[in-house]
Amino acid sequence: MNANENGSQFDADIIAETENFAIWRSEESDDFVYHVEMGGITLHLAAEEWEEFVILIKSAA
């Protein structure tokens, strides 16, 4: 369980993490939001955006 800015509790599923990066998701409004933490930057992606981002990263690898 984690707390958001309002102090409300929510479940966060860690998908993957390394020493410098982390990807986790939270359920908000009956949909998942994916959070990609890269140092001081965090991307917040809706499920559709996440799917496109995964395709992008796989294409770049």
N, C-alpha and C. Protein backbone atom coordinates (compact mmCIF):
# COMPACT_ATOMS: atom_id res chain seq x y z
N MET A 1 0.84 -1.19 0.00
CA MET A 1 0.00 0.00 0.00
C MET A 1 0.88 1.24 0.00
N ASN A 2 0.48 2.21 -0.75
CA ASN A 2 1.16 3.50 -0.80
C ASN A 2 0.13 4.60 -0.58
N ALA A 3 0.61 5.79 -0.31
CA ALA A 3 -0.27 6.94 -0.13
C ALA A 3 -0.06 7.92 -1.28
N ASN A 4 -1.15 8.49 -1.77
CA ASN A 4 -1.03 9.51 -2.82
C ASN A 4 -0.93 10.89 -2.19
N GLU A 5 -0.98 11.93 -3.01
CA GLU A 5 -0.83 13.31 -2.52
C GLU A 5 -1.90 13.67 -1.49
N ASN A 6 -3.09 13.08 -1.62
CA ASN A 6 -4.19 13.39 -0.70
C ASN A 6 -4.13 12.56 0.57
N GLY A 7 -3.14 11.66 0.66
CA GLY A 7 -3.04 10.80 1.82
C GLY A 7 -3.88 9.55 1.71
N SER A 8 -4.60 9.36 0.59
CA SER A 8 -5.42 8.17 0.38
C SER A 8 -4.51 6.98 0.09
N GLN A 9 -4.94 5.80 0.50
CA GLN A 9 -4.17 4.59 0.26
C GLN A 9 -4.54 3.99 -1.10
N PHE A 10 -3.54 3.42 -1.79
CA PHE A 10 -3.80 2.74 -3.05
C PHE A 10 -2.79 1.61 -3.21
N ASP A 11 -3.17 0.61 -4.01
CA ASP A 11 -2.28 -0.51 -4.28
C ASP A 11 -1.39 -0.17 -5.45
N ALA A 12 -0.12 -0.51 -5.34
CA ALA A 12 0.85 -0.29 -6.41
C ALA A 12 1.52 -1.63 -6.71
N ASP A 13 1.47 -2.04 -7.96
CA ASP A 13 2.13 -3.27 -8.39
C ASP A 13 3.44 -2.90 -9.06
N ILE A 14 4.55 -3.36 -8.50
CA ILE A 14 5.85 -3.11 -9.12
C ILE A 14 6.01 -4.12 -10.25
N ILE A 15 6.20 -3.61 -11.46
CA ILE A 15 6.34 -4.46 -12.64
C ILE A 15 7.80 -4.85 -12.82
N ALA A 16 8.70 -3.88 -12.70
CA ALA A 16 10.13 -4.14 -12.85
C ALA A 16 10.90 -3.00 -12.21
N GLU A 17 12.10 -3.32 -11.72
CA GLU A 17 12.95 -2.27 -11.20
C GLU A 17 14.41 -2.69 -11.27
N THR A 18 15.24 -1.70 -11.45
CA THR A 18 16.68 -1.88 -11.43
C THR A 18 17.22 -0.90 -10.40
N GLU A 19 18.53 -0.78 -10.36
CA GLU A 19 19.13 0.15 -9.40
C GLU A 19 18.72 1.60 -9.69
N ASN A 20 18.50 1.94 -10.97
CA ASN A 20 18.23 3.33 -11.35
C ASN A 20 16.82 3.59 -11.88
N PHE A 21 16.07 2.56 -12.20
CA PHE A 21 14.77 2.75 -12.84
C PHE A 21 13.72 1.85 -12.18
N ALA A 22 12.46 2.27 -12.32
CA ALA A 22 11.36 1.45 -11.81
C ALA A 22 10.12 1.67 -12.66
N ILE A 23 9.35 0.61 -12.80
CA ILE A 23 8.05 0.69 -13.48
C ILE A 23 7.03 0.04 -12.56
N TRP A 24 5.98 0.78 -12.26
CA TRP A 24 4.92 0.25 -11.42
C TRP A 24 3.57 0.74 -11.94
N ARG A 25 2.51 0.12 -11.49
CA ARG A 25 1.18 0.54 -11.93
C ARG A 25 0.25 0.66 -10.73
N SER A 26 -0.72 1.52 -10.91
CA SER A 26 -1.75 1.71 -9.90
C SER A 26 -3.10 1.69 -10.60
N GLU A 27 -4.11 1.29 -9.87
CA GLU A 27 -5.45 1.26 -10.45
C GLU A 27 -6.18 2.54 -10.05
N GLU A 28 -6.64 3.25 -11.08
CA GLU A 28 -7.35 4.51 -10.85
C GLU A 28 -8.55 4.58 -11.77
N SER A 29 -9.70 4.84 -11.22
CA SER A 29 -10.94 4.98 -12.01
C SER A 29 -11.17 3.79 -12.93
N ASP A 30 -11.09 2.59 -12.39
CA ASP A 30 -11.34 1.35 -13.14
C ASP A 30 -10.38 1.15 -14.30
N ASP A 31 -9.21 1.73 -14.27
CA ASP A 31 -8.19 1.52 -15.29
C ASP A 31 -6.83 1.60 -14.61
N PHE A 32 -5.82 1.09 -15.27
CA PHE A 32 -4.48 1.15 -14.71
C PHE A 32 -3.72 2.37 -15.24
N VAL A 33 -2.90 2.94 -14.38
CA VAL A 33 -1.96 3.98 -14.78
C VAL A 33 -0.58 3.41 -14.52
N TYR A 34 0.28 3.50 -15.54
CA TYR A 34 1.64 2.97 -15.45
C TYR A 34 2.59 4.13 -15.16
N HIS A 35 3.50 3.90 -14.24
CA HIS A 35 4.44 4.93 -13.80
C HIS A 35 5.85 4.44 -14.12
N VAL A 36 6.57 5.20 -14.92
CA VAL A 36 7.94 4.86 -15.30
C VAL A 36 8.86 5.88 -14.65
N GLU A 37 9.60 5.45 -13.64
CA GLU A 37 10.50 6.34 -12.91
C GLU A 37 11.90 6.23 -13.49
N MET A 38 12.42 7.37 -13.94
CA MET A 38 13.76 7.43 -14.55
C MET A 38 14.51 8.59 -13.89
N GLY A 39 15.18 8.30 -12.80
CA GLY A 39 15.88 9.35 -12.08
C GLY A 39 14.88 10.36 -11.53
N GLY A 40 15.05 11.62 -11.91
CA GLY A 40 14.17 12.68 -11.43
C GLY A 40 12.91 12.86 -12.26
N ILE A 41 12.70 11.99 -13.24
CA ILE A 41 11.54 12.11 -14.13
C ILE A 41 10.64 10.89 -13.95
N THR A 42 9.34 11.11 -13.88
CA THR A 42 8.38 10.01 -13.85
C THR A 42 7.34 10.24 -14.93
N LEU A 43 7.18 9.23 -15.79
CA LEU A 43 6.12 9.26 -16.80
C LEU A 43 4.90 8.58 -16.22
N HIS A 44 3.73 9.17 -16.43
CA HIS A 44 2.46 8.58 -16.00
C HIS A 44 1.67 8.30 -17.27
N LEU A 45 1.44 7.02 -17.55
CA LEU A 45 0.83 6.62 -18.81
C LEU A 45 -0.46 5.84 -18.58
N ALA A 46 -1.50 6.21 -19.32
CA ALA A 46 -2.74 5.43 -19.33
C ALA A 46 -2.45 4.10 -20.00
N ALA A 47 -3.33 3.13 -19.85
CA ALA A 47 -3.11 1.78 -20.38
C ALA A 47 -2.81 1.79 -21.88
N GLU A 48 -3.55 2.57 -22.65
CA GLU A 48 -3.33 2.62 -24.11
C GLU A 48 -1.96 3.22 -24.43
N GLU A 49 -1.58 4.26 -23.68
CA GLU A 49 -0.28 4.88 -23.88
C GLU A 49 0.83 3.92 -23.49
N TRP A 50 0.62 3.14 -22.43
CA TRP A 50 1.61 2.17 -21.98
C TRP A 50 1.88 1.14 -23.07
N GLU A 51 0.82 0.62 -23.69
CA GLU A 51 0.97 -0.38 -24.74
C GLU A 51 1.80 0.18 -25.90
N GLU A 52 1.55 1.42 -26.29
CA GLU A 52 2.31 2.05 -27.35
C GLU A 52 3.77 2.28 -26.92
N PHE A 53 3.98 2.65 -25.67
CA PHE A 53 5.33 2.89 -25.15
C PHE A 53 6.14 1.58 -25.18
N VAL A 54 5.51 0.47 -24.79
CA VAL A 54 6.20 -0.82 -24.81
C VAL A 54 6.62 -1.19 -26.23
N ILE A 55 5.75 -0.95 -27.20
CA ILE A 55 6.09 -1.21 -28.61
C ILE A 55 7.26 -0.34 -29.04
N LEU A 56 7.24 0.93 -28.63
CA LEU A 56 8.34 1.85 -28.95
C LEU A 56 9.67 1.36 -28.40
N ILE A 57 9.70 0.98 -27.12
CA ILE A 57 10.93 0.54 -26.48
C ILE A 57 11.44 -0.76 -27.11
N LYS A 58 10.53 -1.68 -27.40
CA LYS A 58 10.94 -2.94 -28.05
C LYS A 58 11.53 -2.67 -29.42
N SER A 59 10.97 -1.71 -30.15
CA SER A 59 11.49 -1.36 -31.48
C SER A 59 12.88 -0.74 -31.39
N ALA A 60 13.13 -0.03 -30.31
CA ALA A 60 14.43 0.64 -30.15
C ALA A 60 15.52 -0.31 -29.65
N ALA A 61 15.12 -1.42 -29.07
CA ALA A 61 16.10 -2.35 -28.49
C ALA A 61 16.84 -3.16 -29.53
